Amino acid sequence: MIRASRRSHPGRAPRVAAQVFARPSDRSKGVLVLGTLRLPCALGRTGPRIDKREGDGATPRAVIRPVAIYVRPAGGFRPCTALPTRMIRPEDGWCDDPRSRRYNRLVTLPCGAGHEAMLREDGLYDVVIETDWNRRPAVPGRGSAIFIHIARPGFRPTEGCIALSRKGMRLFLDRMGRFSGIQVL
């Protein structure tokens, strides 16, 4: 199991390398900007919010940091990155039950708490970047599984994640630093 490392400088926010801007006309769609790279992305169905809560469909309006990458063995690609990377297994899930002590963590299925399977047939989790949103400590109800993952066709809204096209994901991973912060505005 991958363990996310603590911030490189405890108490300080990560260096912001990328920014995500919601479109004024449709807050569930946006653009991720990293240097000269501009990538269309999908956001949560209710857009960015400061007061993120479990199940609200919002993308947290905050600085988040990538901490690990999960790749589907038969559908993903091997990113070249300094982040811890591992293949998704059939028994991998993510706990989204605020009542569980395993809330907002990778779990082994079957799991008695509410969860989502990491191995999905729709391809959305062929490549998943785990972020540090609500990680240490995980506050129940503050939101779980805020990932950067593959977008649905037409960049349809997510449940709160940031989603990129497959090509966009490759470009982002090629340019993303290990401790780069992503500011969602």
N, C-alpha and C. Protein backbone atom coordinates (compact mmCIF):
# COMPACT_ATOMS: atom_id res chain seq x y z
N MET A 1 0.83 -1.17 0.00
CA MET A 1 0.00 0.00 0.00
C MET A 1 0.88 1.23 0.00
N ILE A 2 0.49 2.23 -0.75
CA ILE A 2 1.24 3.47 -0.83
C ILE A 2 0.91 4.32 0.38
N ARG A 3 1.89 4.85 1.00
CA ARG A 3 1.70 5.81 2.09
C ARG A 3 2.15 7.17 1.59
N ALA A 4 1.28 8.13 1.67
CA ALA A 4 1.63 9.48 1.24
C ALA A 4 2.56 10.09 2.28
N SER A 5 3.60 10.72 1.81
CA SER A 5 4.53 11.38 2.72
C SER A 5 3.93 12.68 3.22
N ARG A 6 4.42 13.12 4.35
CA ARG A 6 3.98 14.42 4.87
C ARG A 6 4.55 15.51 3.98
N ARG A 7 4.03 16.71 4.14
CA ARG A 7 4.52 17.83 3.36
C ARG A 7 6.03 17.95 3.52
N SER A 8 6.69 18.43 2.48
CA SER A 8 8.14 18.57 2.55
C SER A 8 8.53 19.64 3.56
N HIS A 9 7.67 20.61 3.82
CA HIS A 9 7.90 21.66 4.80
C HIS A 9 6.67 21.74 5.69
N PRO A 10 6.66 21.00 6.81
CA PRO A 10 5.48 21.01 7.67
C PRO A 10 5.06 22.42 8.03
N GLY A 11 3.75 22.66 8.01
CA GLY A 11 3.23 23.96 8.38
C GLY A 11 3.18 24.96 7.24
N ARG A 12 3.83 24.67 6.15
CA ARG A 12 3.81 25.58 5.01
C ARG A 12 2.99 24.97 3.88
N ALA A 13 2.32 25.82 3.14
CA ALA A 13 1.55 25.35 1.98
C ALA A 13 2.51 24.93 0.88
N PRO A 14 2.11 23.96 0.05
CA PRO A 14 2.98 23.55 -1.05
C PRO A 14 3.12 24.66 -2.08
N ARG A 15 4.22 24.62 -2.80
CA ARG A 15 4.44 25.57 -3.89
C ARG A 15 3.36 25.34 -4.94
N VAL A 16 2.70 26.41 -5.36
CA VAL A 16 1.64 26.29 -6.36
C VAL A 16 2.27 26.28 -7.74
N ALA A 17 2.07 25.18 -8.46
CA ALA A 17 2.62 25.07 -9.80
C ALA A 17 1.52 25.13 -10.86
N ALA A 18 0.31 24.75 -10.47
CA ALA A 18 -0.80 24.73 -11.42
C ALA A 18 -2.00 25.42 -10.79
N GLN A 19 -2.85 25.94 -11.65
CA GLN A 19 -4.10 26.55 -11.19
C GLN A 19 -5.24 25.99 -12.02
N VAL A 20 -6.40 25.86 -11.37
CA VAL A 20 -7.61 25.40 -12.05
C VAL A 20 -8.64 26.52 -11.94
N PHE A 21 -9.13 26.95 -13.08
CA PHE A 21 -10.13 28.01 -13.14
C PHE A 21 -11.44 27.42 -13.65
N ALA A 22 -12.53 27.68 -12.95
CA ALA A 22 -13.85 27.27 -13.41
C ALA A 22 -14.34 28.26 -14.46
N ARG A 23 -15.07 27.76 -15.44
CA ARG A 23 -15.67 28.65 -16.44
C ARG A 23 -16.84 29.40 -15.81
N PRO A 24 -16.94 30.69 -16.02
CA PRO A 24 -18.06 31.44 -15.45
C PRO A 24 -19.42 30.95 -15.96
N SER A 25 -19.47 30.49 -17.21
CA SER A 25 -20.73 30.05 -17.80
C SER A 25 -21.14 28.64 -17.38
N ASP A 26 -20.20 27.83 -16.92
CA ASP A 26 -20.48 26.46 -16.48
C ASP A 26 -19.43 26.08 -15.45
N ARG A 27 -19.75 26.21 -14.17
CA ARG A 27 -18.79 26.02 -13.08
C ARG A 27 -18.31 24.57 -12.96
N SER A 28 -18.94 23.63 -13.68
CA SER A 28 -18.50 22.24 -13.63
C SER A 28 -17.44 21.95 -14.69
N LYS A 29 -17.10 22.94 -15.48
CA LYS A 29 -16.03 22.81 -16.48
C LYS A 29 -15.00 23.88 -16.20
N GLY A 30 -13.75 23.56 -16.55
CA GLY A 30 -12.70 24.53 -16.27
C GLY A 30 -11.49 24.31 -17.15
N VAL A 31 -10.43 24.97 -16.75
CA VAL A 31 -9.14 24.83 -17.43
C VAL A 31 -8.06 24.72 -16.36
N LEU A 32 -7.16 23.76 -16.56
CA LEU A 32 -6.01 23.59 -15.68
C LEU A 32 -4.83 24.25 -16.38
N VAL A 33 -4.16 25.15 -15.69
CA VAL A 33 -3.04 25.90 -16.26
C VAL A 33 -1.77 25.52 -15.51
N LEU A 34 -0.77 25.06 -16.25
CA LEU A 34 0.53 24.70 -15.69
C LEU A 34 1.58 25.28 -16.63
N GLY A 35 2.15 26.43 -16.27
CA GLY A 35 3.07 27.13 -17.16
C GLY A 35 2.33 27.55 -18.41
N THR A 36 2.84 27.16 -19.57
CA THR A 36 2.19 27.49 -20.84
C THR A 36 1.14 26.45 -21.23
N LEU A 37 1.05 25.37 -20.47
CA LEU A 37 0.09 24.30 -20.75
C LEU A 37 -1.30 24.69 -20.25
N ARG A 38 -2.29 24.57 -21.11
CA ARG A 38 -3.68 24.84 -20.75
C ARG A 38 -4.52 23.64 -21.16
N LEU A 39 -5.12 23.00 -20.16
CA LEU A 39 -5.85 21.76 -20.40
C LEU A 39 -7.30 21.91 -19.96
N PRO A 40 -8.26 21.59 -20.83
CA PRO A 40 -9.65 21.59 -20.39
C PRO A 40 -9.84 20.50 -19.34
N CYS A 41 -10.73 20.76 -18.39
CA CYS A 41 -10.98 19.77 -17.35
C CYS A 41 -12.44 19.82 -16.90
N ALA A 42 -12.85 18.73 -16.29
CA ALA A 42 -14.18 18.67 -15.66
C ALA A 42 -13.98 18.86 -14.17
N LEU A 43 -14.94 19.50 -13.54
CA LEU A 43 -14.93 19.72 -12.09
C LEU A 43 -16.21 19.12 -11.52
N GLY A 44 -16.39 19.26 -10.22
CA GLY A 44 -17.60 18.78 -9.58
C GLY A 44 -18.84 19.44 -10.14
N ARG A 45 -19.96 18.75 -10.08
CA ARG A 45 -21.20 19.23 -10.69
C ARG A 45 -21.66 20.57 -10.13
N THR A 46 -21.25 20.93 -8.89
CA THR A 46 -21.63 22.22 -8.31
C THR A 46 -20.49 23.24 -8.35
N GLY A 47 -19.37 22.89 -9.01
CA GLY A 47 -18.25 23.81 -9.14
C GLY A 47 -17.39 23.87 -7.89
N PRO A 48 -16.40 24.75 -7.89
CA PRO A 48 -15.52 24.89 -6.72
C PRO A 48 -16.23 25.55 -5.55
N ARG A 49 -15.96 25.04 -4.33
CA ARG A 49 -16.54 25.60 -3.10
C ARG A 49 -15.51 25.57 -1.98
N ILE A 50 -15.51 26.59 -1.17
CA ILE A 50 -14.61 26.65 -0.02
C ILE A 50 -15.06 25.68 1.06
N ASP A 51 -16.34 25.57 1.29
CA ASP A 51 -16.88 24.73 2.36
C ASP A 51 -17.27 23.34 1.86
N LYS A 52 -16.33 22.63 1.29
CA LYS A 52 -16.54 21.30 0.73
C LYS A 52 -17.09 20.33 1.78
N ARG A 53 -18.12 19.55 1.39
CA ARG A 53 -18.72 18.53 2.25
C ARG A 53 -18.93 17.26 1.44
N GLU A 54 -18.89 16.13 2.12
CA GLU A 54 -19.10 14.83 1.47
C GLU A 54 -20.44 14.82 0.76
N GLY A 55 -20.43 14.45 -0.53
CA GLY A 55 -21.66 14.30 -1.29
C GLY A 55 -22.22 15.57 -1.90
N ASP A 56 -21.55 16.71 -1.72
CA ASP A 56 -22.10 17.98 -2.24
C ASP A 56 -21.79 18.20 -3.72
N GLY A 57 -20.97 17.35 -4.33
CA GLY A 57 -20.66 17.49 -5.75
C GLY A 57 -19.73 18.65 -6.05
N ALA A 58 -19.08 19.20 -5.04
CA ALA A 58 -18.19 20.35 -5.24
C ALA A 58 -16.74 19.90 -5.30
N THR A 59 -15.95 20.65 -6.05
CA THR A 59 -14.50 20.50 -6.05
C THR A 59 -13.98 21.47 -4.99
N PRO A 60 -13.10 21.02 -4.08
CA PRO A 60 -12.65 21.93 -3.04
C PRO A 60 -11.88 23.12 -3.61
N ARG A 61 -12.26 24.30 -3.17
CA ARG A 61 -11.55 25.52 -3.56
C ARG A 61 -10.41 25.69 -2.57
N ALA A 62 -9.24 25.20 -2.96
CA ALA A 62 -8.10 25.10 -2.05
C ALA A 62 -6.85 24.81 -2.86
N VAL A 63 -5.73 24.74 -2.17
CA VAL A 63 -4.50 24.25 -2.78
C VAL A 63 -4.39 22.78 -2.38
N ILE A 64 -4.36 21.90 -3.38
CA ILE A 64 -4.22 20.47 -3.13
C ILE A 64 -2.89 20.02 -3.73
N ARG A 65 -2.38 18.92 -3.20
CA ARG A 65 -1.07 18.45 -3.65
C ARG A 65 -1.17 16.98 -4.06
N PRO A 66 -0.62 16.61 -5.21
CA PRO A 66 -0.58 15.19 -5.59
C PRO A 66 0.33 14.42 -4.64
N VAL A 67 -0.12 13.23 -4.20
CA VAL A 67 0.71 12.44 -3.30
C VAL A 67 1.01 11.03 -3.80
N ALA A 68 0.18 10.50 -4.70
CA ALA A 68 0.40 9.15 -5.22
C ALA A 68 -0.37 8.97 -6.52
N ILE A 69 0.02 7.97 -7.27
CA ILE A 69 -0.65 7.66 -8.54
C ILE A 69 -1.01 6.17 -8.55
N TYR A 70 -2.23 5.90 -9.00
CA TYR A 70 -2.72 4.54 -9.17
C TYR A 70 -3.01 4.34 -10.66
N VAL A 71 -2.61 3.20 -11.19
CA VAL A 71 -2.75 2.94 -12.62
C VAL A 71 -3.46 1.60 -12.82
N ARG A 72 -4.45 1.60 -13.70
CA ARG A 72 -5.14 0.36 -14.06
C ARG A 72 -4.20 -0.48 -14.92
N PRO A 73 -3.96 -1.74 -14.57
CA PRO A 73 -3.00 -2.55 -15.31
C PRO A 73 -3.30 -2.70 -16.80
N ALA A 74 -4.57 -2.89 -17.16
CA ALA A 74 -4.89 -3.17 -18.56
C ALA A 74 -5.45 -1.96 -19.31
N GLY A 75 -5.42 -0.79 -18.74
CA GLY A 75 -6.02 0.34 -19.44
C GLY A 75 -5.30 1.64 -19.24
N GLY A 76 -4.39 1.65 -18.33
CA GLY A 76 -3.67 2.89 -18.05
C GLY A 76 -2.35 2.92 -18.78
N PHE A 77 -1.52 3.81 -18.33
CA PHE A 77 -0.17 3.89 -18.88
C PHE A 77 0.77 4.09 -17.71
N ARG A 78 2.03 3.85 -17.92
CA ARG A 78 3.03 3.99 -16.88
C ARG A 78 3.57 5.42 -16.88
N PRO A 79 3.11 6.25 -15.96
CA PRO A 79 3.62 7.62 -15.94
C PRO A 79 5.07 7.65 -15.46
N CYS A 80 5.82 8.57 -15.99
CA CYS A 80 7.19 8.78 -15.57
C CYS A 80 7.14 9.93 -14.56
N THR A 81 7.18 9.58 -13.27
CA THR A 81 7.01 10.57 -12.22
C THR A 81 7.76 10.14 -10.97
N ALA A 82 8.06 11.09 -10.13
CA ALA A 82 8.71 10.80 -8.86
C ALA A 82 7.70 10.40 -7.79
N LEU A 83 6.41 10.55 -8.08
CA LEU A 83 5.39 10.17 -7.10
C LEU A 83 5.32 8.66 -6.95
N PRO A 84 4.98 8.18 -5.75
CA PRO A 84 4.77 6.74 -5.60
C PRO A 84 3.66 6.30 -6.56
N THR A 85 3.91 5.22 -7.29
CA THR A 85 2.96 4.73 -8.29
C THR A 85 2.74 3.24 -8.07
N ARG A 86 1.48 2.81 -8.18
CA ARG A 86 1.21 1.38 -8.08
C ARG A 86 0.02 1.00 -8.93
N MET A 87 -0.01 -0.26 -9.32
CA MET A 87 -1.11 -0.79 -10.11
C MET A 87 -2.34 -0.99 -9.23
N ILE A 88 -3.50 -0.70 -9.80
CA ILE A 88 -4.76 -0.91 -9.10
C ILE A 88 -5.08 -2.40 -9.14
N ARG A 89 -5.46 -2.95 -8.00
CA ARG A 89 -5.81 -4.37 -7.90
C ARG A 89 -7.32 -4.51 -7.79
N PRO A 90 -7.86 -5.67 -8.16
CA PRO A 90 -9.32 -5.87 -8.08
C PRO A 90 -9.89 -5.63 -6.68
N GLU A 91 -9.10 -5.87 -5.65
CA GLU A 91 -9.59 -5.70 -4.28
C GLU A 91 -9.40 -4.30 -3.72
N ASP A 92 -8.97 -3.34 -4.53
CA ASP A 92 -8.77 -1.96 -4.07
C ASP A 92 -10.07 -1.17 -4.11
N GLY A 93 -10.31 -0.45 -3.04
CA GLY A 93 -11.45 0.45 -2.96
C GLY A 93 -11.04 1.72 -2.22
N TRP A 94 -11.92 2.71 -2.20
CA TRP A 94 -11.66 3.96 -1.48
C TRP A 94 -12.84 4.21 -0.56
N CYS A 95 -12.58 4.35 0.74
CA CYS A 95 -13.64 4.53 1.72
C CYS A 95 -14.17 5.96 1.67
N ASP A 96 -15.48 6.10 1.45
CA ASP A 96 -16.12 7.42 1.43
C ASP A 96 -17.20 7.54 2.51
N ASP A 97 -17.10 6.69 3.51
CA ASP A 97 -18.06 6.67 4.61
C ASP A 97 -17.52 7.48 5.79
N PRO A 98 -18.09 8.68 6.05
CA PRO A 98 -17.58 9.52 7.13
C PRO A 98 -17.65 8.88 8.52
N ARG A 99 -18.45 7.82 8.68
CA ARG A 99 -18.56 7.14 9.98
C ARG A 99 -17.45 6.12 10.19
N SER A 100 -16.69 5.82 9.16
CA SER A 100 -15.65 4.80 9.25
C SER A 100 -14.31 5.40 9.69
N ARG A 101 -13.56 4.63 10.46
CA ARG A 101 -12.22 5.09 10.83
C ARG A 101 -11.27 5.04 9.63
N ARG A 102 -11.71 4.38 8.54
CA ARG A 102 -10.90 4.30 7.31
C ARG A 102 -11.33 5.33 6.26
N TYR A 103 -12.12 6.30 6.69
CA TYR A 103 -12.62 7.36 5.81
C TYR A 103 -11.49 8.03 5.03
N ASN A 104 -11.72 8.20 3.73
CA ASN A 104 -10.79 8.85 2.81
C ASN A 104 -9.44 8.15 2.74
N ARG A 105 -9.50 6.82 2.68
CA ARG A 105 -8.28 6.02 2.55
C ARG A 105 -8.52 4.84 1.62
N LEU A 106 -7.44 4.35 1.06
CA LEU A 106 -7.48 3.13 0.27
C LEU A 106 -7.85 1.98 1.20
N VAL A 107 -8.79 1.15 0.78
CA VAL A 107 -9.22 0.00 1.58
C VAL A 107 -9.19 -1.25 0.73
N THR A 108 -9.22 -2.38 1.40
CA THR A 108 -9.29 -3.68 0.72
C THR A 108 -10.75 -4.11 0.70
N LEU A 109 -11.22 -4.51 -0.48
CA LEU A 109 -12.59 -4.98 -0.64
C LEU A 109 -12.64 -6.49 -0.41
N PRO A 110 -13.72 -7.04 0.12
CA PRO A 110 -14.93 -6.33 0.50
C PRO A 110 -14.68 -5.49 1.76
N CYS A 111 -15.44 -4.41 1.83
CA CYS A 111 -15.31 -3.46 2.93
C CYS A 111 -16.71 -3.18 3.47
N GLY A 112 -16.89 -3.27 4.77
CA GLY A 112 -18.20 -3.06 5.36
C GLY A 112 -18.67 -1.61 5.33
N ALA A 113 -17.75 -0.69 5.15
CA ALA A 113 -18.09 0.74 5.11
C ALA A 113 -18.39 1.16 3.68
N GLY A 114 -19.04 2.33 3.52
CA GLY A 114 -19.30 2.86 2.18
C GLY A 114 -17.99 3.10 1.45
N HIS A 115 -17.96 2.75 0.17
CA HIS A 115 -16.72 2.85 -0.59
C HIS A 115 -17.04 2.89 -2.09
N GLU A 116 -16.02 3.17 -2.86
CA GLU A 116 -16.11 3.00 -4.31
C GLU A 116 -14.96 2.10 -4.74
N ALA A 117 -15.20 1.30 -5.77
CA ALA A 117 -14.17 0.41 -6.30
C ALA A 117 -13.19 1.23 -7.13
N MET A 118 -11.90 0.94 -6.99
CA MET A 118 -10.88 1.65 -7.76
C MET A 118 -10.74 1.07 -9.17
N LEU A 119 -11.04 -0.21 -9.33
CA LEU A 119 -10.95 -0.85 -10.64
C LEU A 119 -12.31 -0.70 -11.32
N ARG A 120 -12.39 0.27 -12.23
CA ARG A 120 -13.67 0.60 -12.88
C ARG A 120 -13.63 0.20 -14.34
N GLU A 121 -14.77 -0.19 -14.86
CA GLU A 121 -14.87 -0.57 -16.27
C GLU A 121 -15.02 0.63 -17.19
N ASP A 122 -15.42 1.78 -16.66
CA ASP A 122 -15.65 2.95 -17.52
C ASP A 122 -14.38 3.71 -17.88
N GLY A 123 -13.23 3.31 -17.35
CA GLY A 123 -11.96 3.94 -17.72
C GLY A 123 -11.62 5.22 -16.97
N LEU A 124 -12.52 5.72 -16.13
CA LEU A 124 -12.25 6.97 -15.42
C LEU A 124 -11.06 6.86 -14.48
N TYR A 125 -10.84 5.68 -13.93
CA TYR A 125 -9.73 5.48 -13.01
C TYR A 125 -8.59 4.69 -13.65
N ASP A 126 -8.45 4.77 -14.97
CA ASP A 126 -7.29 4.12 -15.60
C ASP A 126 -5.99 4.74 -15.08
N VAL A 127 -6.02 6.03 -14.79
CA VAL A 127 -4.92 6.73 -14.12
C VAL A 127 -5.58 7.64 -13.08
N VAL A 128 -5.17 7.51 -11.83
CA VAL A 128 -5.72 8.31 -10.74
C VAL A 128 -4.58 8.95 -9.97
N ILE A 129 -4.66 10.26 -9.82
CA ILE A 129 -3.70 10.96 -8.96
C ILE A 129 -4.43 11.24 -7.65
N GLU A 130 -3.94 10.64 -6.57
CA GLU A 130 -4.48 10.90 -5.24
C GLU A 130 -3.96 12.26 -4.78
N THR A 131 -4.82 13.05 -4.15
CA THR A 131 -4.38 14.35 -3.62
C THR A 131 -4.41 14.31 -2.09
N ASP A 132 -3.84 15.32 -1.49
CA ASP A 132 -3.78 15.38 -0.03
C ASP A 132 -5.03 16.02 0.59
N TRP A 133 -6.10 16.20 -0.18
CA TRP A 133 -7.31 16.81 0.36
C TRP A 133 -7.86 15.97 1.52
N ASN A 134 -8.04 16.58 2.67
CA ASN A 134 -8.65 15.97 3.85
C ASN A 134 -7.99 14.65 4.23
N ARG A 135 -6.67 14.64 4.27
CA ARG A 135 -5.94 13.40 4.50
C ARG A 135 -5.47 13.21 5.94
N ARG A 136 -4.73 14.15 6.49
CA ARG A 136 -4.11 13.93 7.80
C ARG A 136 -4.34 15.10 8.71
N PRO A 137 -5.27 15.03 9.61
CA PRO A 137 -6.22 13.91 9.77
C PRO A 137 -7.42 14.08 8.86
N ALA A 138 -8.06 12.98 8.53
CA ALA A 138 -9.28 13.04 7.73
C ALA A 138 -10.42 13.48 8.63
N VAL A 139 -11.07 14.57 8.27
CA VAL A 139 -12.19 15.09 9.05
C VAL A 139 -13.48 14.51 8.47
N PRO A 140 -14.23 13.74 9.25
CA PRO A 140 -15.46 13.13 8.73
C PRO A 140 -16.40 14.16 8.10
N GLY A 141 -16.84 13.85 6.87
CA GLY A 141 -17.79 14.69 6.17
C GLY A 141 -17.18 15.84 5.38
N ARG A 142 -15.87 16.01 5.45
CA ARG A 142 -15.20 17.13 4.77
C ARG A 142 -14.92 16.81 3.29
N GLY A 143 -15.15 15.59 2.88
CA GLY A 143 -14.96 15.21 1.48
C GLY A 143 -13.85 14.18 1.33
N SER A 144 -14.11 13.19 0.52
CA SER A 144 -13.13 12.12 0.30
C SER A 144 -12.92 11.89 -1.19
N ALA A 145 -11.86 11.19 -1.49
CA ALA A 145 -11.55 10.78 -2.86
C ALA A 145 -11.52 11.97 -3.82
N ILE A 146 -10.84 13.03 -3.44
CA ILE A 146 -10.65 14.15 -4.37
C ILE A 146 -9.42 13.79 -5.20
N PHE A 147 -9.69 13.21 -6.35
CA PHE A 147 -8.66 12.72 -7.25
C PHE A 147 -8.55 13.61 -8.48
N ILE A 148 -7.48 13.40 -9.22
CA ILE A 148 -7.38 13.88 -10.59
C ILE A 148 -7.42 12.59 -11.42
N HIS A 149 -8.40 12.47 -12.29
CA HIS A 149 -8.59 11.23 -13.03
C HIS A 149 -8.99 11.52 -14.47
N ILE A 150 -9.28 10.48 -15.22
CA ILE A 150 -9.67 10.60 -16.63
C ILE A 150 -11.11 11.11 -16.72
N ALA A 151 -11.35 12.02 -17.66
CA ALA A 151 -12.67 12.65 -17.82
C ALA A 151 -13.63 11.77 -18.61
N ARG A 152 -14.91 11.97 -18.33
CA ARG A 152 -15.97 11.35 -19.13
C ARG A 152 -16.03 12.07 -20.47
N PRO A 153 -16.61 11.45 -21.49
CA PRO A 153 -16.78 12.15 -22.78
C PRO A 153 -17.52 13.47 -22.58
N GLY A 154 -17.05 14.50 -23.26
CA GLY A 154 -17.68 15.82 -23.17
C GLY A 154 -17.37 16.54 -21.87
N PHE A 155 -16.42 16.01 -21.10
CA PHE A 155 -16.05 16.61 -19.81
C PHE A 155 -17.27 16.80 -18.91
N ARG A 156 -18.10 15.76 -18.85
CA ARG A 156 -19.25 15.82 -17.94
C ARG A 156 -18.76 15.94 -16.50
N PRO A 157 -19.58 16.54 -15.63
CA PRO A 157 -19.15 16.82 -14.25
C PRO A 157 -18.74 15.58 -13.47
N THR A 158 -17.88 15.81 -12.49
CA THR A 158 -17.44 14.76 -11.57
C THR A 158 -18.23 14.90 -10.27
N GLU A 159 -17.92 14.06 -9.31
CA GLU A 159 -18.53 14.17 -7.98
C GLU A 159 -17.75 15.13 -7.09
N GLY A 160 -16.68 15.72 -7.61
CA GLY A 160 -15.87 16.67 -6.85
C GLY A 160 -14.41 16.64 -7.26
N CYS A 161 -14.07 15.69 -8.11
CA CYS A 161 -12.68 15.55 -8.58
C CYS A 161 -12.38 16.53 -9.71
N ILE A 162 -11.14 16.50 -10.15
CA ILE A 162 -10.71 17.20 -11.36
C ILE A 162 -10.44 16.10 -12.38
N ALA A 163 -10.99 16.23 -13.59
CA ALA A 163 -10.83 15.18 -14.60
C ALA A 163 -10.27 15.76 -15.88
N LEU A 164 -9.29 15.07 -16.44
CA LEU A 164 -8.61 15.47 -17.67
C LEU A 164 -8.79 14.41 -18.74
N SER A 165 -8.66 14.81 -20.00
CA SER A 165 -8.66 13.82 -21.08
C SER A 165 -7.42 12.93 -20.92
N ARG A 166 -7.40 11.80 -21.60
CA ARG A 166 -6.22 10.92 -21.53
C ARG A 166 -4.96 11.67 -21.98
N LYS A 167 -5.08 12.38 -23.09
CA LYS A 167 -3.93 13.14 -23.59
C LYS A 167 -3.54 14.22 -22.58
N GLY A 168 -4.54 14.91 -22.02
CA GLY A 168 -4.28 15.92 -21.01
C GLY A 168 -3.59 15.35 -19.78
N MET A 169 -4.01 14.16 -19.36
CA MET A 169 -3.39 13.51 -18.21
C MET A 169 -1.91 13.23 -18.48
N ARG A 170 -1.61 12.72 -19.67
CA ARG A 170 -0.20 12.46 -20.01
C ARG A 170 0.62 13.74 -19.98
N LEU A 171 0.08 14.80 -20.58
CA LEU A 171 0.80 16.08 -20.61
C LEU A 171 0.99 16.63 -19.20
N PHE A 172 -0.04 16.53 -18.38
CA PHE A 172 0.04 17.02 -17.01
C PHE A 172 1.09 16.24 -16.22
N LEU A 173 1.05 14.91 -16.31
CA LEU A 173 2.02 14.09 -15.57
C LEU A 173 3.45 14.34 -16.03
N ASP A 174 3.64 14.62 -17.33
CA ASP A 174 4.98 14.91 -17.85
C ASP A 174 5.57 16.18 -17.25
N ARG A 175 4.71 17.12 -16.85
CA ARG A 175 5.18 18.42 -16.38
C ARG A 175 5.02 18.67 -14.88
N MET A 176 4.29 17.79 -14.22
CA MET A 176 4.00 17.97 -12.80
C MET A 176 5.20 17.61 -11.95
N GLY A 177 5.52 18.44 -10.99
CA GLY A 177 6.57 18.13 -10.04
C GLY A 177 6.04 17.30 -8.89
N ARG A 178 6.90 16.68 -8.13
CA ARG A 178 6.48 15.79 -7.04
C ARG A 178 5.67 16.51 -5.98
N PHE A 179 6.08 17.68 -5.59
CA PHE A 179 5.39 18.38 -4.51
C PHE A 179 4.64 19.60 -4.99
N SER A 180 4.25 19.61 -6.25
CA SER A 180 3.57 20.75 -6.83
C SER A 180 2.16 20.89 -6.29
N GLY A 181 1.81 22.09 -5.88
CA GLY A 181 0.45 22.36 -5.45
C GLY A 181 -0.40 22.74 -6.63
N ILE A 182 -1.69 22.42 -6.55
CA ILE A 182 -2.66 22.75 -7.57
C ILE A 182 -3.72 23.62 -6.88
N GLN A 183 -3.80 24.86 -7.30
CA GLN A 183 -4.74 25.79 -6.69
C GLN A 183 -6.02 25.80 -7.48
N VAL A 184 -7.12 25.43 -6.81
CA VAL A 184 -8.43 25.46 -7.44
C VAL A 184 -9.08 26.78 -7.05
N LEU A 185 -9.41 27.57 -8.07
CA LEU A 185 -9.99 28.90 -7.83
C LEU A 185 -11.47 28.95 -8.16
